[in-house]
Amino acid sequence: MTDAVVVEGHVRWRDGKKWKSRWLVLRKPSPVADCLLMLVYKDKSERVKGHKERSSVTLEDICGLDPGLSYEGLNHTLAIICLSQVVMLGFENKETMYAWDVRIRYSLGEVHRFHVSVAPGTKLESGPATLHFCNDILVLVKDVPPTVMGQWKLSDLRRYGAVPNGFIFEGGTRCGFWAGVFFLSCAEGEQISFLFDCIVRGISPTKGPFGLRPVLPDPSTNPTYSEEKLVHEALQLEKRLSLLSHTSRQGSGGDDRSLSSSSSDTSHSDVSVGSRWSDVKPQGQVSDSKGSELAPPSGVPADPCEIYSPHPGMARALFSACPICGGLKGTSLLQSGVLPAIPV
């Protein structure tokens, strides 16, 4: 696959009311494009011989991905959710499905989803739903295939924040019909609020330091993307989010992580950053006369290199990446003046 091609392979494509076996290619029109171009071939031979695709579909305003849905006789499907359409793809096994999911997510940027319950008393239908967050777009969907219930742009929200047993946000006047206050009952309120804070500040919490491209699964090979590996990578992501949240909270005081409102209609946006971070010292902090060194959160390796290194068990590095800005800083090993021996 070339750099422009996000992923390609043999899938079942939902065309109208039927599943059709096709060779699909997803590619980005340009490296900075925020949409995907889906090229449909009858089989791989048409693609290899350079024949023109049978059809092409531009996927614009992508707002979420939903893997693992059971739909119309297939247990392994992936829904690509756009504001104007939903593309359903079916796969023979979950390994290939998750390989497509990972590659598409990486190409799009920040893509997250949370299972929530919409509280009654708003314009939305109450009950179970899924909150999808893709870069600056957030939507609430329900049913299979997913149907968009409401949509907002993060830059148009007046304020948001975690509350006990949930998450709350208010859409400003730019949200049109979806202006107002909405309460979502969920267990990940703090995590949702933290993700919003990161995006507002231009921080990508799920990307590695220095813009390094990770090793993405190849859907064209034999399935090796096991469930155990997915669980391991999910734990690594949770550790990274925990470290980022922990480090950010040490920067300033307060625990009100929200966006203050701006009622001026002439301003560029309804929102201005008014977030404040907690300055509560973590347990296990060690202090001396020369300063203090913050202990990492529970479950996070003491050496940041152990989090970001693509080679587990590698020798301790002399520099580590700042989890906030991605810059280099010397580790305690470098500061001690004792350099590690080079293995022979």
C-alpha atoms as a PDB file:
ATOM      1  CA  MET A   1       0.000   0.000   0.000  1.00  0.00           C
ATOM      2  CA  THR A   2       1.242   3.453  -0.890  1.00  0.00           C
ATOM      3  CA  ASP A   3       1.381   6.376   1.507  1.00  0.00           C
ATOM      4  CA  ALA A   4      -1.880   7.790   0.089  1.00  0.00           C
ATOM      5  CA  VAL A   5      -3.713   4.485   0.610  1.00  0.00           C
ATOM      6  CA  VAL A   6      -5.018   4.110   4.150  1.00  0.00           C
ATOM      7  CA  VAL A   7      -6.141   0.497   3.818  1.00  0.00           C
ATOM      8  CA  GLU A   8      -7.374  -1.904   1.157  1.00  0.00           C
ATOM      9  CA  GLY A   9      -8.620  -5.458   0.959  1.00  0.00           C
ATOM     10  CA  HIS A  10     -11.479  -7.843   0.374  1.00  0.00           C
ATOM     11  CA  VAL A  11     -14.605  -6.914   2.355  1.00  0.00           C
ATOM     12  CA  ARG A  12     -18.378  -7.224   2.304  1.00  0.00           C
ATOM     13  CA  TRP A  13     -19.834  -3.842   1.405  1.00  0.00           C
ATOM     14  CA  ARG A  14     -23.415  -2.968   2.310  1.00  0.00           C
ATOM     15  CA  ASP A  15     -24.943  -1.566  -0.887  1.00  0.00           C
ATOM     16  CA  GLY A  16     -28.582  -0.752  -0.295  1.00  0.00           C
ATOM     17  CA  LYS A  17     -30.198  -3.840   1.243  1.00  0.00           C
ATOM     18  CA  LYS A  18     -27.551  -6.346   0.133  1.00  0.00           C
ATOM     19  CA  TRP A  19     -24.032  -7.342   1.140  1.00  0.00           C
ATOM     20  CA  LYS A  20     -21.702  -7.336  -1.868  1.00  0.00           C
ATOM     21  CA  SER A  21     -18.256  -8.922  -1.953  1.00  0.00           C
ATOM     22  CA  ARG A  22     -15.856  -6.275  -3.233  1.00  0.00           C
ATOM     23  CA  TRP A  23     -12.229  -5.155  -3.175  1.00  0.00           C
ATOM     24  CA  LEU A  24     -12.232  -1.781  -1.393  1.00  0.00           C
ATOM     25  CA  VAL A  25      -9.531   0.864  -1.295  1.00  0.00           C
ATOM     26  CA  LEU A  26      -9.654   3.731   1.197  1.00  0.00           C
ATOM     27  CA  ARG A  27      -7.276   6.568   0.450  1.00  0.00           C
ATOM     28  CA  LYS A  28      -6.803  10.209   1.345  1.00  0.00           C
ATOM     29  CA  PRO A  29      -7.072  12.705  -1.542  1.00  0.00           C
ATOM     30  CA  SER A  30      -4.118  14.541   0.030  1.00  0.00           C
ATOM     31  CA  PRO A  31      -1.967  14.080   3.152  1.00  0.00           C
ATOM     32  CA  VAL A  32      -3.827  16.880   4.949  1.00  0.00           C
ATOM     33  CA  ALA A  33      -7.342  16.008   3.755  1.00  0.00           C
ATOM     34  CA  ASP A  34      -9.989  15.472   6.432  1.00  0.00           C
ATOM     35  CA  CYS A  35     -11.990  13.081   4.246  1.00  0.00           C
ATOM     36  CA  LEU A  36     -11.524   9.646   2.673  1.00  0.00           C
ATOM     37  CA  LEU A  37     -12.086   8.424  -0.866  1.00  0.00           C
ATOM     38  CA  MET A  38     -13.552   4.924  -1.114  1.00  0.00           C
ATOM     39  CA  LEU A  39     -12.802   3.116  -4.396  1.00  0.00           C
ATOM     40  CA  VAL A  40     -14.842  -0.006  -5.160  1.00  0.00           C
ATOM     41  CA  TYR A  41     -13.504  -2.818  -7.396  1.00  0.00           C
ATOM     42  CA  LYS A  42     -15.152  -6.143  -8.186  1.00  0.00           C
ATOM     43  CA  ASP A  43     -12.051  -8.050  -7.153  1.00  0.00           C
ATOM     44  CA  LYS A  44      -8.327  -7.640  -6.563  1.00  0.00           C
ATOM     45  CA  SER A  45      -7.423  -8.438 -10.192  1.00  0.00           C
ATOM     46  CA  GLU A  46      -9.160  -5.276 -11.418  1.00  0.00           C
ATOM     47  CA  ARG A  47      -7.086  -3.249  -8.984  1.00  0.00           C
ATOM     48  CA  VAL A  48      -3.804  -4.987  -9.918  1.00  0.00           C
ATOM     49  CA  LYS A  49      -4.411  -4.611 -13.672  1.00  0.00           C
ATOM     50  CA  GLY A  50      -5.045  -0.879 -13.260  1.00  0.00           C
ATOM     51  CA  HIS A  51      -8.689  -0.974 -14.328  1.00  0.00           C
ATOM     52  CA  LYS A  52     -10.929   1.909 -13.384  1.00  0.00           C
ATOM     53  CA  GLU A  53     -12.914   1.416 -10.198  1.00  0.00           C
ATOM     54  CA  ARG A  54     -16.570   0.369 -10.472  1.00  0.00           C
ATOM     55  CA  SER A  55     -17.626   3.254  -8.228  1.00  0.00           C
ATOM     56  CA  SER A  56     -16.164   5.811  -5.862  1.00  0.00           C
ATOM     57  CA  VAL A  57     -17.610   7.439  -2.760  1.00  0.00           C
ATOM     58  CA  THR A  58     -16.229  10.480  -0.940  1.00  0.00           C
ATOM     59  CA  LEU A  59     -16.574  10.144   2.828  1.00  0.00           C
ATOM     60  CA  GLU A  60     -16.811  13.686   4.179  1.00  0.00           C
ATOM     61  CA  ASP A  61     -17.501  14.936   7.703  1.00  0.00           C
ATOM     62  CA  ILE A  62     -16.442  11.644   9.272  1.00  0.00           C
ATOM     63  CA  CYS A  63     -17.437  11.739  12.912  1.00  0.00           C
ATOM     64  CA  GLY A  64     -16.802   8.249  14.209  1.00  0.00           C
ATOM     65  CA  LEU A  65     -16.001   4.567  13.764  1.00  0.00           C
ATOM     66  CA  ASP A  66     -17.980   1.745  15.368  1.00  0.00           C
ATOM     67  CA  PRO A  67     -16.429  -1.749  15.080  1.00  0.00           C
ATOM     68  CA  GLY A  68     -17.828  -5.053  16.268  1.00  0.00           C
ATOM     69  CA  LEU A  69     -21.474  -4.561  15.351  1.00  0.00           C
ATOM     70  CA  SER A  70     -23.623  -7.566  14.408  1.00  0.00           C
ATOM     71  CA  TYR A  71     -25.782  -6.655  11.445  1.00  0.00           C
ATOM     72  CA  GLU A  72     -27.778  -8.576   8.854  1.00  0.00           C
ATOM     73  CA  GLY A  73     -26.070 -11.936   9.261  1.00  0.00           C
ATOM     74  CA  LEU A  74     -22.515 -10.670   9.814  1.00  0.00           C
ATOM     75  CA  ASN A  75     -20.886 -10.615  13.253  1.00  0.00           C
ATOM     76  CA  HIS A  76     -17.823  -8.551  12.366  1.00  0.00           C
ATOM     77  CA  THR A  77     -18.812  -5.228  10.832  1.00  0.00           C
ATOM     78  CA  LEU A  78     -17.303  -1.749  10.909  1.00  0.00           C
ATOM     79  CA  ALA A  79     -19.457   1.368  10.602  1.00  0.00           C
ATOM     80  CA  ILE A  80     -17.845   4.523   9.193  1.00  0.00           C
ATOM     81  CA  ILE A  81     -20.146   7.256  10.474  1.00  0.00           C
ATOM     82  CA  CYS A  82     -20.421  10.515   8.546  1.00  0.00           C
ATOM     83  CA  LEU A  83     -22.864  13.362   9.127  1.00  0.00           C
ATOM     84  CA  SER A  84     -24.671  12.612   5.858  1.00  0.00           C
ATOM     85  CA  GLN A  85     -24.183   8.827   5.497  1.00  0.00           C
ATOM     86  CA  VAL A  86     -23.054   5.623   7.184  1.00  0.00           C
ATOM     87  CA  VAL A  87     -20.882   3.059   5.370  1.00  0.00           C
ATOM     88  CA  MET A  88     -21.139  -0.521   6.643  1.00  0.00           C
ATOM     89  CA  LEU A  89     -18.283  -2.939   5.957  1.00  0.00           C
ATOM     90  CA  GLY A  90     -18.302  -6.650   6.822  1.00  0.00           C
ATOM     91  CA  PHE A  91     -15.284  -8.886   7.510  1.00  0.00           C
ATOM     92  CA  GLU A  92     -14.561 -12.598   7.821  1.00  0.00           C
ATOM     93  CA  ASN A  93     -12.901 -12.254  11.229  1.00  0.00           C
ATOM     94  CA  LYS A  94     -12.425  -9.706  13.966  1.00  0.00           C
ATOM     95  CA  GLU A  95      -8.655  -9.461  13.425  1.00  0.00           C
ATOM     96  CA  THR A  96      -9.109  -8.029   9.929  1.00  0.00           C
ATOM     97  CA  MET A  97     -11.926  -5.795  11.142  1.00  0.00           C
ATOM     98  CA  TYR A  98      -9.754  -4.310  13.909  1.00  0.00           C
ATOM     99  CA  ALA A  99      -6.842  -3.889  11.497  1.00  0.00           C
ATOM    100  CA  TRP A 100      -9.060  -1.721   9.276  1.00  0.00           C
ATOM    101  CA  ASP A 101     -10.340   0.139  12.329  1.00  0.00           C
ATOM    102  CA  VAL A 102      -6.827   0.935  13.607  1.00  0.00           C
ATOM    103  CA  ARG A 103      -5.564   2.143  10.229  1.00  0.00           C
ATOM    104  CA  ILE A 104      -8.578   4.377   9.600  1.00  0.00           C
ATOM    105  CA  ARG A 105      -8.384   5.852  13.109  1.00  0.00           C
ATOM    106  CA  TYR A 106      -4.726   6.659  12.703  1.00  0.00           C
ATOM    107  CA  SER A 107      -5.327   8.417   9.376  1.00  0.00           C
ATOM    108  CA  LEU A 108      -8.175  10.537  10.761  1.00  0.00           C
ATOM    109  CA  GLY A 109      -6.508  11.776  13.962  1.00  0.00           C
ATOM    110  CA  GLU A 110      -8.311  11.772  17.296  1.00  0.00           C
ATOM    111  CA  VAL A 111     -11.194   9.287  17.078  1.00  0.00           C
ATOM    112  CA  HIS A 112     -12.945   8.149  20.262  1.00  0.00           C
ATOM    113  CA  ARG A 113     -16.265   6.666  21.327  1.00  0.00           C
ATOM    114  CA  PHE A 114     -18.037   6.248  24.661  1.00  0.00           C
ATOM    115  CA  HIS A 115     -21.173   4.381  25.635  1.00  0.00           C
ATOM    116  CA  VAL A 116     -23.518   6.790  27.407  1.00  0.00           C
ATOM    117  CA  SER A 117     -27.151   7.226  28.369  1.00  0.00           C
ATOM    118  CA  VAL A 118     -28.978  10.419  27.398  1.00  0.00           C
ATOM    119  CA  ALA A 119     -30.844  11.934  30.331  1.00  0.00           C
ATOM    120  CA  PRO A 120     -34.484  12.986  29.740  1.00  0.00           C
ATOM    121  CA  GLY A 121     -35.543  16.607  29.515  1.00  0.00           C
ATOM    122  CA  THR A 122     -33.583  17.667  26.412  1.00  0.00           C
ATOM    123  CA  LYS A 123     -34.185  17.763  22.654  1.00  0.00           C
ATOM    124  CA  LEU A 124     -32.637  14.304  22.369  1.00  0.00           C
ATOM    125  CA  GLU A 125     -34.458  11.042  22.813  1.00  0.00           C
ATOM    126  CA  SER A 126     -33.510   9.645  26.202  1.00  0.00           C
ATOM    127  CA  GLY A 127     -31.923   6.240  26.576  1.00  0.00           C
ATOM    128  CA  PRO A 128     -28.720   4.376  25.603  1.00  0.00           C
ATOM    129  CA  ALA A 129     -26.533   5.994  22.942  1.00  0.00           C
ATOM    130  CA  THR A 130     -22.921   6.250  21.796  1.00  0.00           C
ATOM    131  CA  LEU A 131     -20.909   9.460  21.914  1.00  0.00           C
ATOM    132  CA  HIS A 132     -18.462   9.668  18.997  1.00  0.00           C
ATOM    133  CA  PHE A 133     -15.696  12.251  18.960  1.00  0.00           C
ATOM    134  CA  CYS A 134     -13.579  12.818  15.851  1.00  0.00           C
ATOM    135  CA  ASN A 135     -11.185  15.778  16.081  1.00  0.00           C
ATOM    136  CA  ASP A 136     -13.525  18.802  16.335  1.00  0.00           C
ATOM    137  CA  ILE A 137     -16.804  16.974  15.672  1.00  0.00           C
ATOM    138  CA  LEU A 138     -18.885  15.158  18.267  1.00  0.00           C
ATOM    139  CA  VAL A 139     -22.119  13.295  17.643  1.00  0.00           C
ATOM    140  CA  LEU A 140     -24.552  11.095  19.525  1.00  0.00           C
ATOM    141  CA  VAL A 141     -25.799   8.022  17.666  1.00  0.00           C
ATOM    142  CA  LYS A 142     -28.123   5.104  18.345  1.00  0.00           C
ATOM    143  CA  ASP A 143     -29.338   1.897  16.667  1.00  0.00           C
ATOM    144  CA  VAL A 144     -27.633  -0.374  14.098  1.00  0.00           C
ATOM    145  CA  PRO A 145     -26.659   0.833  11.594  1.00  0.00           C
ATOM    146  CA  PRO A 146     -25.869   3.985  13.584  1.00  0.00           C
ATOM    147  CA  THR A 147     -28.216   6.950  13.224  1.00  0.00           C
ATOM    148  CA  VAL A 148     -27.033  10.436  14.203  1.00  0.00           C
ATOM    149  CA  MET A 149     -29.213  11.920  16.965  1.00  0.00           C
ATOM    150  CA  GLY A 150     -27.348  15.191  17.475  1.00  0.00           C
ATOM    151  CA  GLN A 151     -24.174  16.893  16.286  1.00  0.00           C
ATOM    152  CA  TRP A 152     -21.895  19.636  17.573  1.00  0.00           C
ATOM    153  CA  LYS A 153     -18.491  21.189  16.892  1.00  0.00           C
ATOM    154  CA  LEU A 154     -16.191  21.400  19.880  1.00  0.00           C
ATOM    155  CA  SER A 155     -15.343  25.004  19.020  1.00  0.00           C
ATOM    156  CA  ASP A 156     -19.058  25.895  19.254  1.00  0.00           C
ATOM    157  CA  LEU A 157     -19.555  24.599  22.795  1.00  0.00           C
ATOM    158  CA  ARG A 158     -19.918  27.254  25.451  1.00  0.00           C
ATOM    159  CA  ARG A 159     -18.797  25.001  28.275  1.00  0.00           C
ATOM    160  CA  TYR A 160     -18.425  21.370  29.261  1.00  0.00           C
ATOM    161  CA  GLY A 161     -17.175  19.289  32.140  1.00  0.00           C
ATOM    162  CA  ALA A 162     -17.372  16.110  34.161  1.00  0.00           C
ATOM    163  CA  VAL A 163     -20.033  15.809  36.842  1.00  0.00           C
ATOM    164  CA  PRO A 164     -20.770  12.964  39.248  1.00  0.00           C
ATOM    165  CA  ASN A 165     -21.809   9.904  37.232  1.00  0.00           C
ATOM    166  CA  GLY A 166     -21.687  11.686  33.918  1.00  0.00           C
ATOM    167  CA  PHE A 167     -20.674  14.456  31.569  1.00  0.00           C
ATOM    168  CA  ILE A 168     -22.444  17.720  30.741  1.00  0.00           C
ATOM    169  CA  PHE A 169     -22.000  20.222  27.913  1.00  0.00           C
ATOM    170  CA  GLU A 170     -23.759  23.279  26.517  1.00  0.00           C
ATOM    171  CA  GLY A 171     -24.056  24.105  22.844  1.00  0.00           C
ATOM    172  CA  GLY A 172     -23.844  27.803  21.950  1.00  0.00           C
ATOM    173  CA  THR A 173     -25.925  29.757  19.460  1.00  0.00           C
ATOM    174  CA  ARG A 174     -23.744  28.546  16.592  1.00  0.00           C
ATOM    175  CA  CYS A 175     -25.061  25.025  17.225  1.00  0.00           C
ATOM    176  CA  GLY A 176     -28.463  26.059  15.885  1.00  0.00           C
ATOM    177  CA  PHE A 177     -31.095  23.455  16.717  1.00  0.00           C
ATOM    178  CA  TRP A 178     -28.646  21.646  18.989  1.00  0.00           C
ATOM    179  CA  ALA A 179     -28.024  24.632  21.264  1.00  0.00           C
ATOM    180  CA  GLY A 180     -28.708  24.025  24.936  1.00  0.00           C
ATOM    181  CA  VAL A 181     -27.531  21.932  27.872  1.00  0.00           C
ATOM    182  CA  PHE A 182     -27.199  18.151  27.581  1.00  0.00           C
ATOM    183  CA  PHE A 183     -26.403  15.624  30.310  1.00  0.00           C
ATOM    184  CA  LEU A 184     -24.920  12.209  29.502  1.00  0.00           C
ATOM    185  CA  SER A 185     -24.855   9.517  32.139  1.00  0.00           C
ATOM    186  CA  CYS A 186     -21.609   7.528  31.926  1.00  0.00           C
ATOM    187  CA  ALA A 187     -18.605   6.326  33.906  1.00  0.00           C
ATOM    188  CA  GLU A 188     -15.988   8.117  31.748  1.00  0.00           C
ATOM    189  CA  GLY A 189     -16.945  11.734  32.416  1.00  0.00           C
ATOM    190  CA  GLU A 190     -13.435  12.701  33.542  1.00  0.00           C
ATOM    191  CA  GLN A 191     -11.821  11.021  30.544  1.00  0.00           C
ATOM    192  CA  ILE A 192     -14.177  12.751  28.088  1.00  0.00           C
ATOM    193  CA  SER A 193     -13.504  16.115  29.715  1.00  0.00           C
ATOM    194  CA  PHE A 194      -9.749  15.509  29.597  1.00  0.00           C
ATOM    195  CA  LEU A 195      -9.877  14.590  25.883  1.00  0.00           C
ATOM    196  CA  PHE A 196     -11.802  17.789  25.131  1.00  0.00           C
ATOM    197  CA  ASP A 197      -9.212  19.794  27.089  1.00  0.00           C
ATOM    198  CA  CYS A 198      -6.385  18.240  25.079  1.00  0.00           C
ATOM    199  CA  ILE A 199      -7.976  18.957  21.700  1.00  0.00           C
ATOM    200  CA  VAL A 200      -8.757  22.552  22.678  1.00  0.00           C
ATOM    201  CA  ARG A 201      -5.078  23.032  23.589  1.00  0.00           C
ATOM    202  CA  GLY A 202      -3.800  21.388  20.418  1.00  0.00           C
ATOM    203  CA  ILE A 203      -2.540  18.287  22.234  1.00  0.00           C
ATOM    204  CA  SER A 204      -2.953  14.823  20.701  1.00  0.00           C
ATOM    205  CA  PRO A 205      -3.180  12.422  23.661  1.00  0.00           C
ATOM    206  CA  THR A 206      -3.140   9.231  21.572  1.00  0.00           C
ATOM    207  CA  LYS A 207      -0.213  10.067  19.271  1.00  0.00           C
ATOM    208  CA  GLY A 208       3.369   9.098  20.033  1.00  0.00           C
ATOM    209  CA  PRO A 209       6.123  11.704  20.545  1.00  0.00           C
ATOM    210  CA  PHE A 210       7.820  13.495  17.647  1.00  0.00           C
ATOM    211  CA  GLY A 211       5.109  12.397  15.191  1.00  0.00           C
ATOM    212  CA  LEU A 212       6.589   8.911  14.811  1.00  0.00           C
ATOM    213  CA  ARG A 213       4.407   6.557  12.785  1.00  0.00           C
ATOM    214  CA  PRO A 214       3.533   3.419  14.752  1.00  0.00           C
ATOM    215  CA  VAL A 215       3.623  -0.087  13.327  1.00  0.00           C
ATOM    216  CA  LEU A 216       0.085  -0.512  12.004  1.00  0.00           C
ATOM    217  CA  PRO A 217      -1.497  -3.943  11.485  1.00  0.00           C
ATOM    218  CA  ASP A 218      -1.545  -5.244   7.925  1.00  0.00           C
ATOM    219  CA  PRO A 219      -5.004  -6.608   7.015  1.00  0.00           C
ATOM    220  CA  SER A 220      -3.613  -8.393   3.935  1.00  0.00           C
ATOM    221  CA  THR A 221      -1.537 -10.854   5.993  1.00  0.00           C
ATOM    222  CA  ASN A 222      -2.701 -13.763   8.099  1.00  0.00           C
ATOM    223  CA  PRO A 223      -4.676 -12.590  11.163  1.00  0.00           C
ATOM    224  CA  THR A 224      -2.229 -12.006  13.991  1.00  0.00           C
ATOM    225  CA  TYR A 225      -3.895  -9.015  15.612  1.00  0.00           C
ATOM    226  CA  SER A 226      -5.151 -11.023  18.569  1.00  0.00           C
ATOM    227  CA  GLU A 227      -7.515  -9.877  21.274  1.00  0.00           C
ATOM    228  CA  GLU A 228      -4.712 -10.112  23.819  1.00  0.00           C
ATOM    229  CA  LYS A 229      -2.644  -7.615  21.817  1.00  0.00           C
ATOM    230  CA  LEU A 230      -5.608  -5.241  21.613  1.00  0.00           C
ATOM    231  CA  VAL A 231      -6.070  -5.416  25.372  1.00  0.00           C
ATOM    232  CA  HIS A 232      -2.357  -4.724  25.875  1.00  0.00           C
ATOM    233  CA  GLU A 233      -2.423  -1.675  23.582  1.00  0.00           C
ATOM    234  CA  ALA A 234      -5.576  -0.406  25.284  1.00  0.00           C
ATOM    235  CA  LEU A 235      -3.801  -0.585  28.648  1.00  0.00           C
ATOM    236  CA  GLN A 236      -0.835   1.307  27.203  1.00  0.00           C
ATOM    237  CA  LEU A 237      -3.204   4.033  25.970  1.00  0.00           C
ATOM    238  CA  GLU A 238      -4.834   4.277  29.388  1.00  0.00           C
ATOM    239  CA  LYS A 239      -1.381   4.636  30.982  1.00  0.00           C
ATOM    240  CA  ARG A 240      -0.480   7.426  28.541  1.00  0.00           C
ATOM    241  CA  LEU A 241      -3.751   9.276  29.188  1.00  0.00           C
ATOM    242  CA  SER A 242      -3.261   8.834  32.931  1.00  0.00           C
ATOM    243  CA  LEU A 243       0.291  10.209  32.734  1.00  0.00           C
ATOM    244  CA  LEU A 244      -0.788  13.181  30.625  1.00  0.00           C
ATOM    245  CA  SER A 245      -3.670  13.981  32.960  1.00  0.00           C
ATOM    246  CA  HIS A 246      -1.471  13.595  36.043  1.00  0.00           C
ATOM    247  CA  THR A 247       1.300  15.811  34.656  1.00  0.00           C
ATOM    248  CA  SER A 248      -1.105  18.482  33.426  1.00  0.00           C
ATOM    249  CA  ARG A 249      -2.789  18.772  36.792  1.00  0.00           C
ATOM    250  CA  GLN A 250       0.530  19.699  38.405  1.00  0.00           C
ATOM    251  CA  GLY A 251       0.860  22.807  36.223  1.00  0.00           C
ATOM    252  CA  SER A 252      -1.721  25.051  37.842  1.00  0.00           C
ATOM    253  CA  GLY A 253      -4.349  25.177  40.546  1.00  0.00           C
ATOM    254  CA  GLY A 254      -8.030  24.422  40.548  1.00  0.00           C
ATOM    255  CA  ASP A 255     -10.108  21.480  39.375  1.00  0.00           C
ATOM    256  CA  ASP A 256     -12.687  23.215  37.184  1.00  0.00           C
ATOM    257  CA  ARG A 257     -11.909  21.860  33.741  1.00  0.00           C
ATOM    258  CA  SER A 258     -14.416  23.650  31.576  1.00  0.00           C
ATOM    259  CA  LEU A 259     -14.650  26.296  28.916  1.00  0.00           C
ATOM    260  CA  SER A 260     -15.866  29.720  29.962  1.00  0.00           C
ATOM    261  CA  SER A 261     -18.598  31.223  27.838  1.00  0.00           C
ATOM    262  CA  SER A 262     -18.302  34.217  25.572  1.00  0.00           C
ATOM    263  CA  SER A 263     -21.651  35.757  24.720  1.00  0.00           C
ATOM    264  CA  SER A 264     -20.385  38.081  22.000  1.00  0.00           C
ATOM    265  CA  ASP A 265     -21.893  37.132  18.622  1.00  0.00           C
ATOM    266  CA  THR A 266     -19.151  38.995  16.778  1.00  0.00           C
ATOM    267  CA  SER A 267     -16.332  36.910  18.184  1.00  0.00           C
ATOM    268  CA  HIS A 268     -14.794  34.120  16.132  1.00  0.00           C
ATOM    269  CA  SER A 269     -16.016  31.472  18.569  1.00  0.00           C
ATOM    270  CA  ASP A 270     -18.419  31.110  21.485  1.00  0.00           C
ATOM    271  CA  VAL A 271     -15.671  29.617  23.623  1.00  0.00           C
ATOM    272  CA  SER A 272     -12.536  30.795  25.353  1.00  0.00           C
ATOM    273  CA  VAL A 273     -10.244  28.616  27.364  1.00  0.00           C
ATOM    274  CA  GLY A 274     -10.915  28.906  31.075  1.00  0.00           C
ATOM    275  CA  SER A 275      -9.750  25.494  32.225  1.00  0.00           C
ATOM    276  CA  ARG A 276      -7.782  25.140  35.397  1.00  0.00           C
ATOM    277  CA  TRP A 277      -5.897  22.091  36.569  1.00  0.00           C
ATOM    278  CA  SER A 278      -5.725  20.603  40.040  1.00  0.00           C
ATOM    279  CA  ASP A 279      -2.507  21.207  41.962  1.00  0.00           C
ATOM    280  CA  VAL A 280      -3.124  18.483  44.539  1.00  0.00           C
ATOM    281  CA  LYS A 281       0.157  16.661  45.165  1.00  0.00           C
ATOM    282  CA  PRO A 282       0.022  12.966  44.274  1.00  0.00           C
ATOM    283  CA  GLN A 283       0.620  10.315  46.838  1.00  0.00           C
ATOM    284  CA  GLY A 284       4.164   9.069  46.923  1.00  0.00           C
ATOM    285  CA  GLN A 285       5.742  12.434  46.092  1.00  0.00           C
ATOM    286  CA  VAL A 286       9.346  12.587  47.332  1.00  0.00           C
ATOM    287  CA  SER A 287      10.828  15.932  48.322  1.00  0.00           C
ATOM    288  CA  ASP A 288      14.269  17.093  49.403  1.00  0.00           C
ATOM    289  CA  SER A 289      16.142  20.359  49.777  1.00  0.00           C
ATOM    290  CA  LYS A 290      17.108  20.417  46.108  1.00  0.00           C
ATOM    291  CA  GLY A 291      13.592  20.015  44.799  1.00  0.00           C
ATOM    292  CA  SER A 292      11.087  17.288  44.240  1.00  0.00           C
ATOM    293  CA  GLU A 293      10.475  14.583  41.707  1.00  0.00           C
ATOM    294  CA  LEU A 294       6.862  13.637  41.038  1.00  0.00           C
ATOM    295  CA  ALA A 295       6.062   9.964  41.240  1.00  0.00           C
ATOM    296  CA  PRO A 296       4.013   8.654  38.306  1.00  0.00           C
ATOM    297  CA  PRO A 297       0.396   7.574  38.783  1.00  0.00           C
ATOM    298  CA  SER A 298      -0.330   4.077  39.985  1.00  0.00           C
ATOM    299  CA  GLY A 299       0.277   1.505  37.278  1.00  0.00           C
ATOM    300  CA  VAL A 300       2.489   3.794  35.169  1.00  0.00           C
ATOM    301  CA  PRO A 301       6.182   2.891  34.734  1.00  0.00           C
ATOM    302  CA  ALA A 302       8.548   5.218  36.586  1.00  0.00           C
ATOM    303  CA  ASP A 303      10.616   5.709  33.422  1.00  0.00           C
ATOM    304  CA  PRO A 304       8.741   7.608  30.702  1.00  0.00           C
ATOM    305  CA  CYS A 305      10.878   5.798  28.130  1.00  0.00           C
ATOM    306  CA  GLU A 306       9.185   2.549  29.113  1.00  0.00           C
ATOM    307  CA  ILE A 307       5.875   4.062  27.994  1.00  0.00           C
ATOM    308  CA  TYR A 308       6.905   5.488  24.646  1.00  0.00           C
ATOM    309  CA  SER A 309       9.639   3.063  23.618  1.00  0.00           C
ATOM    310  CA  PRO A 310       8.635   0.744  20.749  1.00  0.00           C
ATOM    311  CA  HIS A 311      11.120  -1.821  22.103  1.00  0.00           C
ATOM    312  CA  PRO A 312      10.072  -3.049  25.586  1.00  0.00           C
ATOM    313  CA  GLY A 313      12.994  -3.786  27.838  1.00  0.00           C
ATOM    314  CA  MET A 314      15.397  -1.463  25.991  1.00  0.00           C
ATOM    315  CA  ALA A 315      18.164   0.327  27.883  1.00  0.00           C
ATOM    316  CA  ARG A 316      17.140   3.498  29.650  1.00  0.00           C
ATOM    317  CA  ALA A 317      17.379   6.484  27.324  1.00  0.00           C
ATOM    318  CA  LEU A 318      19.266   9.656  28.103  1.00  0.00           C
ATOM    319  CA  PHE A 319      16.350  11.784  27.009  1.00  0.00           C
ATOM    320  CA  SER A 320      12.607  11.387  27.434  1.00  0.00           C
ATOM    321  CA  ALA A 321       9.681  13.019  25.672  1.00  0.00           C
ATOM    322  CA  CYS A 322       7.556  15.555  27.430  1.00  0.00           C
ATOM    323  CA  PRO A 323       4.004  14.095  27.330  1.00  0.00           C
ATOM    324  CA  ILE A 324       2.524  17.563  26.826  1.00  0.00           C
ATOM    325  CA  CYS A 325       4.641  19.312  24.180  1.00  0.00           C
ATOM    326  CA  GLY A 326       6.675  16.396  22.817  1.00  0.00           C
ATOM    327  CA  GLY A 327       9.971  18.138  23.588  1.00  0.00           C
ATOM    328  CA  LEU A 328      13.139  16.463  24.851  1.00  0.00           C
ATOM    329  CA  LYS A 329      14.282  16.579  28.424  1.00  0.00           C
ATOM    330  CA  GLY A 330      17.178  14.883  30.171  1.00  0.00           C
ATOM    331  CA  THR A 331      16.346  11.882  32.313  1.00  0.00           C
ATOM    332  CA  SER A 332      17.644  11.308  35.825  1.00  0.00           C
ATOM    333  CA  LEU A 333      20.198   8.964  34.287  1.00  0.00           C
ATOM    334  CA  LEU A 334      21.730  11.778  32.238  1.00  0.00           C
ATOM    335  CA  GLN A 335      21.563  14.187  35.162  1.00  0.00           C
ATOM    336  CA  SER A 336      23.526  11.739  37.318  1.00  0.00           C
ATOM    337  CA  GLY A 337      26.446  11.901  34.883  1.00  0.00           C
ATOM    338  CA  VAL A 338      26.751   8.113  34.682  1.00  0.00           C
ATOM    339  CA  LEU A 339      26.264   6.937  31.103  1.00  0.00           C
ATOM    340  CA  PRO A 340      25.015   3.401  30.396  1.00  0.00           C
ATOM    341  CA  ALA A 341      27.353   0.869  28.858  1.00  0.00           C
ATOM    342  CA  ILE A 342      26.807   0.164  25.190  1.00  0.00           C
ATOM    343  CA  PRO A 343      25.879  -3.534  24.724  1.00  0.00           C
ATOM    344  CA  VAL A 344      28.219  -5.543  22.463  1.00  0.00           C
END
